[in-house]
Amino acid sequence: MDFSFLCMDDIDHTHIAGCFGKAGVSHTYLDTLLNAFLNTALLSISSLILAIIVGVIIGTMRTLPRTSILNRILRVIARVWVEITRNIPLLVQIFLWYFVVPKIYPPAMNFPPMILIICALGFFTSARIAEQVRSGIEAIPTGQRYAAMGMGFTTYQTYRYVILPRAMRTILPPLISESMGIVKNSAVAFAVSIHELMQFQFQAIEEVSHVYENYMVVTVLYVIISLAIFIVMSIIERMVKIPGFQTEGR
């Protein structure tokens, strides 16, 4: 295995002492790799935050009681969102956000490409998280909802103080898996030339070969990001766990 190509200048392929280039003078493949790693981490984490926010909102809307016309409309909107978003392939959604949305909404042409891809990946994942939230809410005994109503809670207060805190604890294990999956899905961004790990891999293989070394380096970095997200989410799960409610050893 020869990883010396990481110390090469990515323009004239000369070896750079110390493997790091100087601003405005040289730029090595290691510099490019680190930039790709940071972009992948930023893309994954930003998309995950967006997916969780939108997913919780949509999942909650899908379980609203059918007590008013507004609630019924919100339930329909949420269902349409989930069915459309999760049934369109991610790659197609990437292309739609990157090529079509700026044509429909001209101000989007001034958005950084990374923002558009974060929206595509975040909204795609939000549909999956919404279904997890819906399942978590529906798993809660209806008696808790009726007890909150009997105490005079509004629908908002019932969800805010009773249903969602319990539901979010219930869905944390599958949410951790979804969080790690978004890192793998971020690799699709290379299709629109976003400078992330997969894009670096294809560029480096084309320019300097070293196929096996490139695959090994990129794989290790994907594992690092996934493990970091797994550790953080696992810590959050332990912090919010209700004693005696969730089983030990998971």
Protein backbone atom coordinates (compact mmCIF):
# COMPACT_ATOMS: atom_id res chain seq x y z
CA MET A 1 0.00 0.00 0.00
CA ASP A 2 1.34 3.39 -1.03
CA PHE A 3 -0.35 6.45 0.45
CA SER A 4 2.36 8.85 -0.64
CA PHE A 5 0.03 10.31 -3.28
CA LEU A 6 -1.65 12.24 -0.47
CA CYS A 7 1.51 14.36 -0.22
CA MET A 8 1.46 15.22 -3.92
CA ASP A 9 0.40 18.59 -5.28
CA ASP A 10 -2.98 18.07 -6.96
CA ILE A 11 -1.95 20.19 -9.96
CA ASP A 12 1.63 19.36 -10.94
CA HIS A 13 1.89 16.11 -8.88
CA THR A 14 5.13 17.08 -7.18
CA HIS A 15 5.71 15.85 -3.64
CA ILE A 16 5.21 18.46 -0.91
CA ALA A 17 7.19 18.22 2.31
CA GLY A 18 4.90 17.80 5.32
CA CYS A 19 1.98 16.77 3.06
CA PHE A 20 0.14 20.06 3.63
CA GLY A 21 0.17 22.78 1.01
CA LYS A 22 0.61 26.50 1.55
CA ALA A 23 -2.25 28.90 0.91
CA GLY A 24 -1.97 30.40 -2.55
CA VAL A 25 1.17 28.39 -3.32
CA SER A 26 0.39 24.67 -3.31
CA HIS A 27 -2.48 22.32 -2.51
CA THR A 28 -2.02 18.61 -1.85
CA TYR A 29 -4.37 15.67 -2.16
CA LEU A 30 -4.39 15.49 1.63
CA ASP A 31 -5.73 19.05 1.75
CA THR A 32 -8.38 18.08 -0.77
CA LEU A 33 -9.25 14.95 1.24
CA LEU A 34 -9.67 16.92 4.47
CA ASN A 35 -11.88 19.47 2.71
CA ALA A 36 -14.00 16.63 1.32
CA PHE A 37 -14.21 15.07 4.78
CA LEU A 38 -15.41 18.34 6.34
CA ASN A 39 -17.96 18.83 3.56
CA THR A 40 -19.29 15.30 4.05
CA ALA A 41 -19.58 15.86 7.81
CA LEU A 42 -21.29 19.23 7.29
CA LEU A 43 -23.67 17.78 4.70
CA SER A 44 -24.57 14.80 6.91
CA ILE A 45 -25.06 16.72 10.16
CA SER A 46 -26.98 19.62 8.57
CA SER A 47 -29.24 17.23 6.66
CA LEU A 48 -29.86 15.22 9.83
CA ILE A 49 -30.87 18.32 11.80
CA LEU A 50 -33.24 19.41 9.02
CA ALA A 51 -34.65 15.88 8.71
CA ILE A 52 -35.36 15.60 12.44
CA ILE A 53 -37.08 19.00 12.62
CA VAL A 54 -39.26 18.42 9.56
CA GLY A 55 -39.82 14.74 10.40
CA VAL A 56 -41.11 15.51 13.90
CA ILE A 57 -43.48 18.16 12.54
CA ILE A 58 -44.82 15.94 9.74
CA GLY A 59 -45.05 12.87 11.98
CA THR A 60 -47.00 14.86 14.55
CA MET A 61 -49.35 16.22 11.90
CA ARG A 62 -50.12 12.66 10.79
CA THR A 63 -51.46 11.79 14.25
CA LEU A 64 -53.54 14.88 14.98
CA PRO A 65 -57.07 14.03 16.22
CA ARG A 66 -59.79 14.39 13.61
CA THR A 67 -61.63 16.98 15.69
CA SER A 68 -61.54 19.87 13.24
CA ILE A 69 -61.28 20.60 9.54
CA LEU A 70 -57.84 22.13 10.08
CA ASN A 71 -56.54 18.95 11.68
CA ARG A 72 -57.92 16.85 8.84
CA ILE A 73 -56.26 19.10 6.27
CA LEU A 74 -52.94 18.91 8.13
CA ARG A 75 -53.17 15.11 8.25
CA VAL A 76 -53.73 14.99 4.48
CA ILE A 77 -50.83 17.37 3.81
CA ALA A 78 -48.54 15.29 6.00
CA ARG A 79 -49.55 12.03 4.33
CA VAL A 80 -49.04 13.49 0.85
CA TRP A 81 -45.60 14.77 1.92
CA VAL A 82 -44.54 11.36 3.20
CA GLU A 83 -45.85 9.37 0.25
CA ILE A 84 -44.31 11.67 -2.36
CA THR A 85 -40.98 12.28 -0.64
CA ARG A 86 -40.17 8.69 0.32
CA ASN A 87 -41.25 7.21 -3.03
CA ILE A 88 -39.05 9.41 -5.22
CA PRO A 89 -35.48 8.03 -5.40
CA LEU A 90 -32.93 10.14 -3.58
CA LEU A 91 -30.82 10.66 -6.70
CA VAL A 92 -33.84 12.04 -8.55
CA GLN A 93 -34.54 14.42 -5.68
CA ILE A 94 -30.92 15.57 -5.76
CA PHE A 95 -31.30 16.42 -9.45
CA LEU A 96 -34.65 18.15 -8.85
CA TRP A 97 -33.24 20.39 -6.13
CA TYR A 98 -30.03 21.11 -8.03
CA PHE A 99 -31.43 21.71 -11.54
CA VAL A 100 -35.21 22.24 -11.33
CA VAL A 101 -35.80 24.23 -8.13
CA PRO A 102 -33.55 27.16 -9.24
CA LYS A 103 -35.56 27.35 -12.47
CA ILE A 104 -38.88 27.42 -10.63
CA TYR A 105 -37.63 29.71 -7.86
CA PRO A 106 -34.96 32.01 -9.44
CA PRO A 107 -33.55 33.35 -6.12
CA ALA A 108 -32.38 29.78 -5.45
CA MET A 109 -29.79 30.27 -8.18
CA ASN A 110 -27.85 32.37 -5.68
CA PHE A 111 -27.92 29.63 -3.03
CA PRO A 112 -24.71 27.65 -2.46
CA PRO A 113 -25.06 24.18 -4.05
CA MET A 114 -24.47 22.64 -0.63
CA ILE A 115 -27.70 24.24 0.67
CA LEU A 116 -29.73 22.69 -2.14
CA ILE A 117 -28.28 19.24 -1.49
CA ILE A 118 -28.88 19.59 2.26
CA CYS A 119 -32.53 20.31 1.48
CA ALA A 120 -32.79 17.31 -0.84
CA LEU A 121 -31.17 14.88 1.60
CA GLY A 122 -32.89 16.38 4.65
CA PHE A 123 -36.39 16.31 3.16
CA PHE A 124 -35.90 12.79 1.79
CA THR A 125 -34.90 11.52 5.24
CA SER A 126 -37.64 13.54 6.96
CA ALA A 127 -40.29 11.28 5.42
CA ARG A 128 -38.68 8.23 7.02
CA ILE A 129 -38.32 9.96 10.38
CA ALA A 130 -41.94 11.17 10.17
CA GLU A 131 -43.10 7.56 9.94
CA GLN A 132 -40.98 6.67 12.96
CA VAL A 133 -42.47 9.58 14.91
CA ARG A 134 -45.98 8.53 13.89
CA SER A 135 -45.32 4.97 15.02
CA GLY A 136 -43.88 6.20 18.31
CA ILE A 137 -46.92 8.38 18.98
CA GLU A 138 -49.39 5.65 18.07
CA ALA A 139 -47.57 3.24 20.41
CA ILE A 140 -48.46 5.43 23.40
CA PRO A 141 -51.57 4.22 25.24
CA THR A 142 -54.57 6.42 24.37
CA GLY A 143 -55.26 6.78 28.08
CA GLN A 144 -52.39 9.26 28.35
CA ARG A 145 -53.97 11.49 25.72
CA TYR A 146 -57.37 11.30 27.42
CA ALA A 147 -55.78 12.01 30.82
CA ALA A 148 -54.18 15.16 29.42
CA MET A 149 -57.47 16.24 27.89
CA GLY A 150 -59.21 15.58 31.21
CA MET A 151 -56.73 17.92 32.90
CA GLY A 152 -57.70 20.67 30.48
CA PHE A 153 -54.66 20.49 28.18
CA THR A 154 -55.05 21.83 24.66
CA THR A 155 -53.95 19.70 21.72
CA TYR A 156 -50.67 21.60 21.56
CA GLN A 157 -50.04 21.16 25.28
CA THR A 158 -50.89 17.47 25.09
CA TYR A 159 -48.30 16.89 22.38
CA ARG A 160 -45.75 19.24 23.92
CA TYR A 161 -45.78 17.93 27.48
CA VAL A 162 -47.17 14.39 27.28
CA ILE A 163 -47.03 12.66 23.89
CA LEU A 164 -43.89 13.87 22.14
CA PRO A 165 -41.48 13.50 25.10
CA ARG A 166 -42.55 9.84 25.44
CA ALA A 167 -42.64 9.18 21.69
CA MET A 168 -39.19 10.64 21.03
CA ARG A 169 -37.68 8.37 23.69
CA THR A 170 -39.39 5.39 22.07
CA ILE A 171 -38.04 6.07 18.57
CA LEU A 172 -34.46 6.93 19.54
CA PRO A 173 -33.00 3.48 18.63
CA PRO A 174 -34.34 3.52 15.03
CA LEU A 175 -33.50 7.21 14.83
CA ILE A 176 -29.86 6.36 15.56
CA SER A 177 -29.85 3.95 12.62
CA GLU A 178 -31.44 6.61 10.42
CA SER A 179 -28.77 9.09 11.52
CA MET A 180 -26.00 6.73 10.44
CA GLY A 181 -27.82 6.01 7.18
CA ILE A 182 -27.85 9.68 6.23
CA VAL A 183 -24.04 9.62 6.19
CA LYS A 184 -24.10 6.87 3.58
CA ASN A 185 -26.79 8.63 1.57
CA SER A 186 -24.65 11.78 1.46
CA ALA A 187 -22.39 10.00 -1.04
CA VAL A 188 -25.05 10.61 -3.71
CA ALA A 189 -24.06 14.29 -3.71
CA PHE A 190 -21.09 13.46 -5.94
CA ALA A 191 -23.59 13.19 -8.83
CA VAL A 192 -23.84 16.99 -8.92
CA SER A 193 -20.13 17.56 -8.25
CA ILE A 194 -20.40 18.48 -4.58
CA HIS A 195 -16.87 18.20 -3.23
CA GLU A 196 -17.34 15.39 -0.71
CA LEU A 197 -15.56 12.08 -0.10
CA MET A 198 -16.95 10.19 -3.08
CA GLN A 199 -16.11 13.08 -5.39
CA PHE A 200 -12.55 13.13 -4.00
CA GLN A 201 -12.27 9.40 -4.53
CA PHE A 202 -13.24 9.52 -8.19
CA GLN A 203 -11.02 12.54 -8.80
CA ALA A 204 -7.98 10.99 -7.11
CA ILE A 205 -8.39 7.61 -8.82
CA GLU A 206 -8.68 9.31 -12.20
CA GLU A 207 -5.61 11.48 -11.68
CA VAL A 208 -3.17 9.32 -9.70
CA SER A 209 -4.75 5.84 -9.63
CA HIS A 210 -4.03 4.14 -6.24
CA VAL A 211 -7.48 2.59 -6.33
CA TYR A 212 -7.19 0.41 -3.23
CA GLU A 213 -5.62 3.14 -1.12
CA ASN A 214 -8.33 5.61 -2.09
CA TYR A 215 -11.11 3.20 -1.23
CA MET A 216 -9.50 2.39 2.11
CA VAL A 217 -9.04 6.03 3.12
CA VAL A 218 -12.56 7.05 2.12
CA THR A 219 -14.08 4.01 3.86
CA VAL A 220 -12.27 4.78 7.11
CA LEU A 221 -13.45 8.40 7.03
CA TYR A 222 -17.07 7.37 6.42
CA VAL A 223 -16.80 5.00 9.39
CA ILE A 224 -15.41 7.80 11.56
CA ILE A 225 -18.34 10.12 10.77
CA SER A 226 -20.90 7.35 11.30
CA LEU A 227 -19.36 6.29 14.60
CA ALA A 228 -19.22 9.89 15.82
CA ILE A 229 -22.94 10.33 15.11
CA PHE A 230 -23.69 6.93 16.71
CA ILE A 231 -21.80 7.83 19.89
CA VAL A 232 -23.49 11.24 20.22
CA MET A 233 -26.97 9.80 19.62
CA SER A 234 -26.32 6.93 22.05
CA ILE A 235 -25.25 9.42 24.74
CA ILE A 236 -28.45 11.40 24.15
CA GLU A 237 -30.48 8.18 24.42
CA ARG A 238 -28.93 7.35 27.80
CA MET A 239 -29.42 10.90 29.07
CA VAL A 240 -33.16 11.00 28.31
CA LYS A 241 -33.97 7.37 29.17
CA ILE A 242 -36.77 6.95 31.69
CA PRO A 243 -35.67 4.48 34.41
CA GLY A 244 -37.64 1.26 34.19
CA PHE A 245 -39.25 2.21 30.88
CA GLN A 246 -36.59 1.14 28.38
CA THR A 247 -34.91 -2.21 28.66
CA GLU A 248 -31.28 -2.49 29.61
CA GLY A 249 -28.59 -3.84 27.31
CA ARG A 250 -29.77 -2.23 24.09
